Amino acid sequence: MRIYETKIRSFLKATTFRGIEITIDSFLLSFFIETHIAIILAFIIEGICLLAHYLFERIWNKIDYGRRLY
Protein backbone atom coordinates (compact mmCIF):
# COMPACT_ATOMS: atom_id res chain seq x y z
CA MET A 1 0.00 0.00 0.00
CA ARG A 2 1.38 3.38 -0.99
CA ILE A 3 0.37 6.69 0.54
CA TYR A 4 0.35 9.77 -1.66
CA GLU A 5 -0.60 13.33 -1.00
CA THR A 6 -3.19 14.83 -3.29
CA LYS A 7 -2.28 17.71 -5.57
CA ILE A 8 -4.57 20.05 -3.65
CA ARG A 9 -2.85 19.14 -0.35
CA SER A 10 0.57 19.90 -1.86
CA PHE A 11 -0.77 23.19 -3.23
CA LEU A 12 -2.34 24.20 0.09
CA LYS A 13 0.83 23.38 2.02
CA ALA A 14 2.93 25.42 -0.39
CA THR A 15 0.58 28.42 -0.49
CA THR A 16 0.05 28.69 3.25
CA PHE A 17 3.78 28.52 3.86
CA ARG A 18 4.40 31.14 1.17
CA GLY A 19 1.76 33.40 2.70
CA ILE A 20 3.74 33.44 5.92
CA GLU A 21 6.93 34.14 3.98
CA ILE A 22 5.33 37.00 2.02
CA THR A 23 4.42 38.68 5.30
CA ILE A 24 7.94 38.26 6.68
CA ASP A 25 9.60 39.34 3.41
CA SER A 26 7.42 42.44 3.12
CA PHE A 27 8.22 43.46 6.67
CA LEU A 28 11.96 42.95 6.27
CA LEU A 29 12.19 44.56 2.83
CA SER A 30 10.25 47.63 4.00
CA PHE A 31 13.22 48.57 6.18
CA PHE A 32 15.37 49.01 3.07
CA ILE A 33 12.95 50.19 0.37
CA GLU A 34 9.49 51.77 0.14
CA THR A 35 6.67 49.65 1.51
CA HIS A 36 4.65 49.28 -1.71
CA ILE A 37 7.76 48.20 -3.64
CA ALA A 38 8.66 45.76 -0.86
CA ILE A 39 5.22 44.16 -1.06
CA ILE A 40 5.40 43.82 -4.87
CA LEU A 41 8.88 42.27 -4.69
CA ALA A 42 7.78 39.89 -1.94
CA PHE A 43 4.86 38.67 -4.07
CA ILE A 44 7.08 38.16 -7.13
CA ILE A 45 9.80 36.33 -5.20
CA GLU A 46 7.36 34.16 -3.28
CA GLY A 47 5.30 33.42 -6.39
CA ILE A 48 8.35 31.92 -8.02
CA CYS A 49 9.18 30.04 -4.83
CA LEU A 50 5.60 28.78 -4.60
CA LEU A 51 5.89 27.13 -7.98
CA ALA A 52 9.26 25.60 -7.06
CA HIS A 53 7.93 24.39 -3.70
CA TYR A 54 4.83 22.83 -5.30
CA LEU A 55 6.92 20.99 -7.90
CA PHE A 56 9.35 19.87 -5.19
CA GLU A 57 6.45 18.45 -3.13
CA ARG A 58 5.00 16.62 -6.14
CA ILE A 59 8.37 15.06 -7.04
CA TRP A 60 9.01 13.91 -3.46
CA ASN A 61 5.49 12.48 -3.33
CA LYS A 62 6.57 9.92 -5.93
CA ILE A 63 9.61 8.82 -3.88
CA ASP A 64 8.96 6.14 -1.26
CA TYR A 65 12.32 6.50 0.49
CA GLY A 66 11.81 7.03 4.22
CA ARG A 67 8.10 6.17 4.25
CA ARG A 68 6.61 3.46 6.41
CA LEU A 69 3.15 2.06 6.85
CA TYR A 70 2.06 1.17 10.34
C-alpha atoms as a PDB file:
ATOM      1  CA  MET A   1       0.000   0.000   0.000  1.00  0.00           C
ATOM      2  CA  ARG A   2       1.384   3.385  -0.987  1.00  0.00           C
ATOM      3  CA  ILE A   3       0.373   6.689   0.544  1.00  0.00           C
ATOM      4  CA  TYR A   4       0.348   9.770  -1.656  1.00  0.00           C
ATOM      5  CA  GLU A   5      -0.604  13.331  -1.000  1.00  0.00           C
ATOM      6  CA  THR A   6      -3.192  14.825  -3.289  1.00  0.00           C
ATOM      7  CA  LYS A   7      -2.278  17.710  -5.569  1.00  0.00           C
ATOM      8  CA  ILE A   8      -4.574  20.047  -3.648  1.00  0.00           C
ATOM      9  CA  ARG A   9      -2.847  19.143  -0.348  1.00  0.00           C
ATOM     10  CA  SER A  10       0.566  19.899  -1.857  1.00  0.00           C
ATOM     11  CA  PHE A  11      -0.771  23.186  -3.227  1.00  0.00           C
ATOM     12  CA  LEU A  12      -2.335  24.204   0.094  1.00  0.00           C
ATOM     13  CA  LYS A  13       0.832  23.377   2.018  1.00  0.00           C
ATOM     14  CA  ALA A  14       2.929  25.417  -0.393  1.00  0.00           C
ATOM     15  CA  THR A  15       0.579  28.421  -0.491  1.00  0.00           C
ATOM     16  CA  THR A  16       0.048  28.689   3.254  1.00  0.00           C
ATOM     17  CA  PHE A  17       3.784  28.520   3.860  1.00  0.00           C
ATOM     18  CA  ARG A  18       4.398  31.141   1.174  1.00  0.00           C
ATOM     19  CA  GLY A  19       1.755  33.401   2.703  1.00  0.00           C
ATOM     20  CA  ILE A  20       3.745  33.438   5.917  1.00  0.00           C
ATOM     21  CA  GLU A  21       6.932  34.143   3.980  1.00  0.00           C
ATOM     22  CA  ILE A  22       5.334  37.001   2.019  1.00  0.00           C
ATOM     23  CA  THR A  23       4.425  38.683   5.298  1.00  0.00           C
ATOM     24  CA  ILE A  24       7.935  38.262   6.679  1.00  0.00           C
ATOM     25  CA  ASP A  25       9.598  39.339   3.414  1.00  0.00           C
ATOM     26  CA  SER A  26       7.419  42.437   3.123  1.00  0.00           C
ATOM     27  CA  PHE A  27       8.216  43.457   6.675  1.00  0.00           C
ATOM     28  CA  LEU A  28      11.962  42.952   6.269  1.00  0.00           C
ATOM     29  CA  LEU A  29      12.189  44.562   2.828  1.00  0.00           C
ATOM     30  CA  SER A  30      10.247  47.627   4.003  1.00  0.00           C
ATOM     31  CA  PHE A  31      13.224  48.569   6.183  1.00  0.00           C
ATOM     32  CA  PHE A  32      15.365  49.011   3.074  1.00  0.00           C
ATOM     33  CA  ILE A  33      12.945  50.189   0.370  1.00  0.00           C
ATOM     34  CA  GLU A  34       9.494  51.772   0.137  1.00  0.00           C
ATOM     35  CA  THR A  35       6.673  49.648   1.505  1.00  0.00           C
ATOM     36  CA  HIS A  36       4.651  49.277  -1.705  1.00  0.00           C
ATOM     37  CA  ILE A  37       7.763  48.204  -3.641  1.00  0.00           C
ATOM     38  CA  ALA A  38       8.659  45.764  -0.858  1.00  0.00           C
ATOM     39  CA  ILE A  39       5.216  44.158  -1.060  1.00  0.00           C
ATOM     40  CA  ILE A  40       5.396  43.824  -4.866  1.00  0.00           C
ATOM     41  CA  LEU A  41       8.884  42.274  -4.687  1.00  0.00           C
ATOM     42  CA  ALA A  42       7.785  39.888  -1.941  1.00  0.00           C
ATOM     43  CA  PHE A  43       4.860  38.667  -4.074  1.00  0.00           C
ATOM     44  CA  ILE A  44       7.080  38.155  -7.130  1.00  0.00           C
ATOM     45  CA  ILE A  45       9.795  36.329  -5.205  1.00  0.00           C
ATOM     46  CA  GLU A  46       7.360  34.161  -3.277  1.00  0.00           C
ATOM     47  CA  GLY A  47       5.296  33.423  -6.394  1.00  0.00           C
ATOM     48  CA  ILE A  48       8.352  31.923  -8.023  1.00  0.00           C
ATOM     49  CA  CYS A  49       9.183  30.043  -4.831  1.00  0.00           C
ATOM     50  CA  LEU A  50       5.599  28.778  -4.601  1.00  0.00           C
ATOM     51  CA  LEU A  51       5.893  27.127  -7.979  1.00  0.00           C
ATOM     52  CA  ALA A  52       9.261  25.603  -7.056  1.00  0.00           C
ATOM     53  CA  HIS A  53       7.931  24.388  -3.702  1.00  0.00           C
ATOM     54  CA  TYR A  54       4.834  22.827  -5.305  1.00  0.00           C
ATOM     55  CA  LEU A  55       6.918  20.987  -7.897  1.00  0.00           C
ATOM     56  CA  PHE A  56       9.352  19.873  -5.187  1.00  0.00           C
ATOM     57  CA  GLU A  57       6.445  18.452  -3.126  1.00  0.00           C
ATOM     58  CA  ARG A  58       5.002  16.624  -6.138  1.00  0.00           C
ATOM     59  CA  ILE A  59       8.367  15.056  -7.039  1.00  0.00           C
ATOM     60  CA  TRP A  60       9.005  13.906  -3.459  1.00  0.00           C
ATOM     61  CA  ASN A  61       5.486  12.476  -3.332  1.00  0.00           C
ATOM     62  CA  LYS A  62       6.574   9.922  -5.927  1.00  0.00           C
ATOM     63  CA  ILE A  63       9.611   8.815  -3.882  1.00  0.00           C
ATOM     64  CA  ASP A  64       8.962   6.137  -1.260  1.00  0.00           C
ATOM     65  CA  TYR A  65      12.315   6.503   0.489  1.00  0.00           C
ATOM     66  CA  GLY A  66      11.814   7.033   4.222  1.00  0.00           C
ATOM     67  CA  ARG A  67       8.099   6.171   4.254  1.00  0.00           C
ATOM     68  CA  ARG A  68       6.613   3.465   6.406  1.00  0.00           C
ATOM     69  CA  LEU A  69       3.150   2.060   6.845  1.00  0.00           C
ATOM     70  CA  TYR A  70       2.058   1.172  10.344  1.00  0.00           C
END
